[in-house]
PDB file of all heavy atoms in Angstrom:
ATOM      1  N   LYS A   1       0.869  -1.181   0.000  1.00  0.00           N
ATOM      2  CA  LYS A   1       0.000   0.000   0.000  1.00  0.00           C
ATOM      3  C   LYS A   1       0.898   1.219   0.000  1.00  0.00           C
ATOM      4  O   LYS A   1       1.704   1.383   0.900  1.00  0.00           O
ATOM      5  CB  LYS A   1      -0.889  -0.007   1.228  1.00  0.00           C
ATOM      6  CG  LYS A   1      -1.799  -1.212   1.285  1.00  0.00           C
ATOM      7  CD  LYS A   1      -2.598  -1.190   2.571  1.00  0.00           C
ATOM      8  CE  LYS A   1      -3.330  -2.480   2.716  1.00  0.00           C
ATOM      9  NZ  LYS A   1      -2.688  -3.426   3.604  1.00  0.00           N
ATOM     10  N   VAL A   2       0.753   2.046  -1.010  1.00  0.00           N
ATOM     11  CA  VAL A   2       1.619   3.212  -1.158  1.00  0.00           C
ATOM     12  C   VAL A   2       0.788   4.471  -1.023  1.00  0.00           C
ATOM     13  O   VAL A   2      -0.311   4.551  -1.556  1.00  0.00           O
ATOM     14  CB  VAL A   2       2.321   3.176  -2.537  1.00  0.00           C
ATOM     15  CG1 VAL A   2       3.189   4.396  -2.731  1.00  0.00           C
ATOM     16  CG2 VAL A   2       3.142   1.914  -2.673  1.00  0.00           C
ATOM     17  N   ASP A   3       1.332   5.463  -0.323  1.00  0.00           N
ATOM     18  CA  ASP A   3       0.673   6.754  -0.186  1.00  0.00           C
ATOM     19  C   ASP A   3       0.578   7.402  -1.570  1.00  0.00           C
ATOM     20  O   ASP A   3       1.579   7.799  -2.150  1.00  0.00           O
ATOM     21  CB  ASP A   3       1.476   7.631   0.770  1.00  0.00           C
ATOM     22  CG  ASP A   3       0.871   9.015   0.923  1.00  0.00           C
ATOM     23  OD1 ASP A   3      -0.197   9.272   0.357  1.00  0.00           O
ATOM     24  OD2 ASP A   3       1.480   9.828   1.616  1.00  0.00           O
ATOM     25  N   SER A   4      -0.638   7.500  -2.098  1.00  0.00           N
ATOM     26  CA  SER A   4      -0.821   8.014  -3.460  1.00  0.00           C
ATOM     27  C   SER A   4      -0.405   9.480  -3.588  1.00  0.00           C
ATOM     28  O   SER A   4      -0.069   9.933  -4.673  1.00  0.00           O
ATOM     29  CB  SER A   4      -2.274   7.845  -3.900  1.00  0.00           C
ATOM     30  OG  SER A   4      -3.135   8.509  -3.006  1.00  0.00           O
ATOM     31  N   GLY A   5      -0.383  10.216  -2.477  1.00  0.00           N
ATOM     32  CA  GLY A   5       0.048  11.608  -2.539  1.00  0.00           C
ATOM     33  C   GLY A   5       1.527  11.742  -2.837  1.00  0.00           C
ATOM     34  O   GLY A   5       1.931  12.566  -3.641  1.00  0.00           O
ATOM     35  N   SER A   6       2.352  10.912  -2.209  1.00  0.00           N
ATOM     36  CA  SER A   6       3.800  11.047  -2.396  1.00  0.00           C
ATOM     37  C   SER A   6       4.352  10.173  -3.512  1.00  0.00           C
ATOM     38  O   SER A   6       5.395  10.463  -4.059  1.00  0.00           O
ATOM     39  CB  SER A   6       4.524  10.723  -1.087  1.00  0.00           C
ATOM     40  OG  SER A   6       4.280   9.393  -0.728  1.00  0.00           O
ATOM     41  N   LEU A   7       3.640   9.096  -3.851  1.00  0.00           N
ATOM     42  CA  LEU A   7       4.147   8.187  -4.879  1.00  0.00           C
ATOM     43  C   LEU A   7       3.045   7.848  -5.875  1.00  0.00           C
ATOM     44  O   LEU A   7       2.786   6.691  -6.169  1.00  0.00           O
ATOM     45  CB  LEU A   7       4.674   6.905  -4.231  1.00  0.00           C
ATOM     46  CG  LEU A   7       5.841   7.083  -3.274  1.00  0.00           C
ATOM     47  CD1 LEU A   7       6.067   5.828  -2.472  1.00  0.00           C
ATOM     48  CD2 LEU A   7       7.093   7.450  -4.012  1.00  0.00           C
ATOM     49  N   ALA A   8       2.416   8.863  -6.439  1.00  0.00           N
ATOM     50  CA  ALA A   8       1.253   8.670  -7.309  1.00  0.00           C
ATOM     51  C   ALA A   8       1.548   7.784  -8.509  1.00  0.00           C
ATOM     52  O   ALA A   8       0.689   7.019  -8.938  1.00  0.00           O
ATOM     53  CB  ALA A   8       0.736  10.025  -7.787  1.00  0.00           C
ATOM     54  N   SER A   9       2.725   7.848  -9.053  1.00  0.00           N
ATOM     55  CA  SER A   9       3.031   7.075 -10.258  1.00  0.00           C
ATOM     56  C   SER A   9       2.964   5.574 -10.015  1.00  0.00           C
ATOM     57  O   SER A   9       2.716   4.811 -10.933  1.00  0.00           O
ATOM     58  CB  SER A   9       4.403   7.444 -10.800  1.00  0.00           C
ATOM     59  OG  SER A   9       5.394   7.091  -9.872  1.00  0.00           O
ATOM     60  N   LEU A  10       3.185   5.141  -8.767  1.00  0.00           N
ATOM     61  CA  LEU A  10       3.147   3.713  -8.488  1.00  0.00           C
ATOM     62  C   LEU A  10       1.735   3.194  -8.277  1.00  0.00           C
ATOM     63  O   LEU A  10       1.501   2.015  -8.394  1.00  0.00           O
ATOM     64  CB  LEU A  10       3.966   3.401  -7.231  1.00  0.00           C
ATOM     65  CG  LEU A  10       5.461   3.539  -7.363  1.00  0.00           C
ATOM     66  CD1 LEU A  10       6.119   3.237  -6.034  1.00  0.00           C
ATOM     67  CD2 LEU A  10       6.004   2.620  -8.433  1.00  0.00           C
ATOM     68  N   THR A  11       0.790   4.069  -7.967  1.00  0.00           N
ATOM     69  CA  THR A  11      -0.545   3.603  -7.625  1.00  0.00           C
ATOM     70  C   THR A  11      -1.509   3.626  -8.804  1.00  0.00           C
ATOM     71  O   THR A  11      -2.613   3.127  -8.700  1.00  0.00           O
ATOM     72  CB  THR A  11      -1.141   4.455  -6.481  1.00  0.00           C
ATOM     73  OG1 THR A  11      -1.165   5.819  -6.900  1.00  0.00           O
ATOM     74  CG2 THR A  11      -0.329   4.303  -5.220  1.00  0.00           C
ATOM     75  N   ASN A  12      -1.118   4.188  -9.933  1.00  0.00           N
ATOM     76  CA  ASN A  12      -2.025   4.283 -11.076  1.00  0.00           C
ATOM     77  C   ASN A  12      -2.511   2.943 -11.570  1.00  0.00           C
ATOM     78  O   ASN A  12      -3.663   2.793 -11.959  1.00  0.00           O
ATOM     79  CB  ASN A  12      -1.350   5.037 -12.229  1.00  0.00           C
ATOM     80  CG  ASN A  12      -1.158   6.498 -11.889  1.00  0.00           C
ATOM     81  OD1 ASN A  12      -1.827   7.029 -11.012  1.00  0.00           O
ATOM     82  ND2 ASN A  12      -0.245   7.149 -12.575  1.00  0.00           N
ATOM     83  N   ASP A  13      -1.635   1.920 -11.583  1.00  0.00           N
ATOM     84  CA  ASP A  13      -1.974   0.618 -12.131  1.00  0.00           C
ATOM     85  C   ASP A  13      -2.477  -0.365 -11.083  1.00  0.00           C
ATOM     86  O   ASP A  13      -2.690  -1.513 -11.375  1.00  0.00           O
ATOM     87  CB  ASP A  13      -0.751  -0.006 -12.822  1.00  0.00           C
ATOM     88  CG  ASP A  13      -0.243   0.877 -13.934  1.00  0.00           C
ATOM     89  OD1 ASP A  13      -1.067   1.552 -14.566  1.00  0.00           O
ATOM     90  OD2 ASP A  13       0.976   0.892 -14.157  1.00  0.00           O
ATOM     91  N   ARG A  14      -2.642   0.055  -9.859  1.00  0.00           N
ATOM     92  CA  ARG A  14      -2.924  -0.890  -8.784  1.00  0.00           C
ATOM     93  C   ARG A  14      -4.359  -1.350  -8.772  1.00  0.00           C
ATOM     94  O   ARG A  14      -5.286  -0.599  -8.977  1.00  0.00           O
ATOM     95  CB  ARG A  14      -2.606  -0.244  -7.445  1.00  0.00           C
ATOM     96  CG  ARG A  14      -1.115  -0.043  -7.323  1.00  0.00           C
ATOM     97  CD  ARG A  14      -0.681   0.161  -5.955  1.00  0.00           C
ATOM     98  NE  ARG A  14      -1.247  -0.829  -5.101  1.00  0.00           N
ATOM     99  CZ  ARG A  14      -1.140  -0.789  -3.805  1.00  0.00           C
ATOM    100  NH1 ARG A  14      -0.510   0.157  -3.245  1.00  0.00           N
ATOM    101  NH2 ARG A  14      -1.689  -1.709  -3.060  1.00  0.00           N
ATOM    102  N   SER A  15      -4.523  -2.617  -8.485  1.00  0.00           N
ATOM    103  CA  SER A  15      -5.836  -3.192  -8.230  1.00  0.00           C
ATOM    104  C   SER A  15      -6.087  -3.062  -6.740  1.00  0.00           C
ATOM    105  O   SER A  15      -5.226  -3.413  -5.944  1.00  0.00           O
ATOM    106  CB  SER A  15      -5.848  -4.666  -8.632  1.00  0.00           C
ATOM    107  OG  SER A  15      -6.941  -5.310  -8.045  1.00  0.00           O
ATOM    108  N   HIS A  16      -7.248  -2.563  -6.354  1.00  0.00           N
ATOM    109  CA  HIS A  16      -7.514  -2.335  -4.939  1.00  0.00           C
ATOM    110  C   HIS A  16      -8.258  -3.487  -4.293  1.00  0.00           C
ATOM    111  O   HIS A  16      -8.650  -3.400  -3.140  1.00  0.00           O
ATOM    112  CB  HIS A  16      -8.297  -1.031  -4.754  1.00  0.00           C
ATOM    113  CG  HIS A  16      -7.508   0.157  -5.210  1.00  0.00           C
ATOM    114  ND1 HIS A  16      -6.443   0.645  -4.502  1.00  0.00           N
ATOM    115  CD2 HIS A  16      -7.592   0.912  -6.337  1.00  0.00           C
ATOM    116  CE1 HIS A  16      -5.923   1.689  -5.140  1.00  0.00           C
ATOM    117  NE2 HIS A  16      -6.594   1.856  -6.255  1.00  0.00           N
ATOM    118  N   VAL A  17      -8.423  -4.588  -5.018  1.00  0.00           N
ATOM    119  CA  VAL A  17      -9.155  -5.728  -4.467  1.00  0.00           C
ATOM    120  C   VAL A  17      -8.463  -6.252  -3.224  1.00  0.00           C
ATOM    121  O   VAL A  17      -9.080  -6.413  -2.172  1.00  0.00           O
ATOM    122  CB  VAL A  17      -9.290  -6.849  -5.528  1.00  0.00           C
ATOM    123  CG1 VAL A  17      -9.953  -8.065  -4.932  1.00  0.00           C
ATOM    124  CG2 VAL A  17     -10.076  -6.350  -6.726  1.00  0.00           C
ATOM    125  N   ALA A  18      -7.149  -6.535  -3.330  1.00  0.00           N
ATOM    126  CA  ALA A  18      -6.424  -7.091  -2.199  1.00  0.00           C
ATOM    127  C   ALA A  18      -6.368  -6.100  -1.051  1.00  0.00           C
ATOM    128  O   ALA A  18      -6.541  -6.468   0.105  1.00  0.00           O
ATOM    129  CB  ALA A  18      -5.014  -7.493  -2.611  1.00  0.00           C
ATOM    130  N   SER A  19      -6.142  -4.822  -1.352  1.00  0.00           N
ATOM    131  CA  SER A  19      -6.063  -3.805  -0.305  1.00  0.00           C
ATOM    132  C   SER A  19      -7.378  -3.677   0.445  1.00  0.00           C
ATOM    133  O   SER A  19      -7.400  -3.553   1.658  1.00  0.00           O
ATOM    134  CB  SER A  19      -5.694  -2.455  -0.919  1.00  0.00           C
ATOM    135  OG  SER A  19      -4.415  -2.516  -1.495  1.00  0.00           O
ATOM    136  N   ASP A  20      -8.489  -3.707  -0.291  1.00  0.00           N
ATOM    137  CA  ASP A  20      -9.802  -3.611   0.348  1.00  0.00           C
ATOM    138  C   ASP A  20     -10.062  -4.804   1.244  1.00  0.00           C
ATOM    139  O   ASP A  20     -10.618  -4.667   2.338  1.00  0.00           O
ATOM    140  CB  ASP A  20     -10.906  -3.500  -0.709  1.00  0.00           C
ATOM    141  CG  ASP A  20     -10.853  -2.177  -1.461  1.00  0.00           C
ATOM    142  OD1 ASP A  20     -10.180  -1.251  -0.971  1.00  0.00           O
ATOM    143  OD2 ASP A  20     -11.472  -2.085  -2.535  1.00  0.00           O
ATOM    144  N   THR A  21      -9.649  -5.993   0.792  1.00  0.00           N
ATOM    145  CA  THR A  21      -9.852  -7.194   1.586  1.00  0.00           C
ATOM    146  C   THR A  21      -9.067  -7.112   2.881  1.00  0.00           C
ATOM    147  O   THR A  21      -9.603  -7.365   3.963  1.00  0.00           O
ATOM    148  CB  THR A  21      -9.407  -8.445   0.793  1.00  0.00           C
ATOM    149  OG1 THR A  21     -10.106  -8.468  -0.442  1.00  0.00           O
ATOM    150  CG2 THR A  21      -9.680  -9.722   1.566  1.00  0.00           C
ATOM    151  N   ILE A  22      -7.799  -6.759   2.791  1.00  0.00           N
ATOM    152  CA  ILE A  22      -6.956  -6.647   3.981  1.00  0.00           C
ATOM    153  C   ILE A  22      -7.486  -5.561   4.903  1.00  0.00           C
ATOM    154  O   ILE A  22      -7.552  -5.737   6.110  1.00  0.00           O
ATOM    155  CB  ILE A  22      -5.495  -6.343   3.594  1.00  0.00           C
ATOM    156  CG1 ILE A  22      -4.889  -7.522   2.841  1.00  0.00           C
ATOM    157  CG2 ILE A  22      -4.653  -6.006   4.807  1.00  0.00           C
ATOM    158  CD1 ILE A  22      -4.772  -8.780   3.658  1.00  0.00           C
ATOM    159  N   HIS A  23      -7.889  -4.416   4.321  1.00  0.00           N
ATOM    160  CA  HIS A  23      -8.393  -3.308   5.127  1.00  0.00           C
ATOM    161  C   HIS A  23      -9.620  -3.731   5.933  1.00  0.00           C
ATOM    162  O   HIS A  23      -9.747  -3.398   7.095  1.00  0.00           O
ATOM    163  CB  HIS A  23      -8.717  -2.109   4.243  1.00  0.00           C
ATOM    164  CG  HIS A  23      -9.225  -0.940   5.022  1.00  0.00           C
ATOM    165  ND1 HIS A  23      -8.416  -0.215   5.865  1.00  0.00           N
ATOM    166  CD2 HIS A  23     -10.463  -0.399   5.109  1.00  0.00           C
ATOM    167  CE1 HIS A  23      -9.137   0.735   6.442  1.00  0.00           C
ATOM    168  NE2 HIS A  23     -10.366   0.644   5.999  1.00  0.00           N
ATOM    169  N   SER A  24     -10.516  -4.491   5.317  1.00  0.00           N
ATOM    170  CA  SER A  24     -11.722  -4.911   6.023  1.00  0.00           C
ATOM    171  C   SER A  24     -11.383  -5.858   7.170  1.00  0.00           C
ATOM    172  O   SER A  24     -12.004  -5.825   8.223  1.00  0.00           O
ATOM    173  CB  SER A  24     -12.723  -5.558   5.070  1.00  0.00           C
ATOM    174  OG  SER A  24     -12.203  -6.758   4.559  1.00  0.00           O
ATOM    175  N   ILE A  25     -10.366  -6.706   6.977  1.00  0.00           N
ATOM    176  CA  ILE A  25      -9.949  -7.621   8.038  1.00  0.00           C
ATOM    177  C   ILE A  25      -9.329  -6.848   9.186  1.00  0.00           C
ATOM    178  O   ILE A  25      -9.642  -7.083  10.347  1.00  0.00           O
ATOM    179  CB  ILE A  25      -8.958  -8.661   7.483  1.00  0.00           C
ATOM    180  CG1 ILE A  25      -9.700  -9.594   6.536  1.00  0.00           C
ATOM    181  CG2 ILE A  25      -8.300  -9.455   8.597  1.00  0.00           C
ATOM    182  CD1 ILE A  25      -8.809 -10.333   5.598  1.00  0.00           C
TER     183      ILE A  25
END
């Protein structure tokens, strides 16, 4: 999980499925 404010170029292609799953847990 990367801070989109400081490293926006890395988050453009990211799928948020895994992040959402982990966040809910």
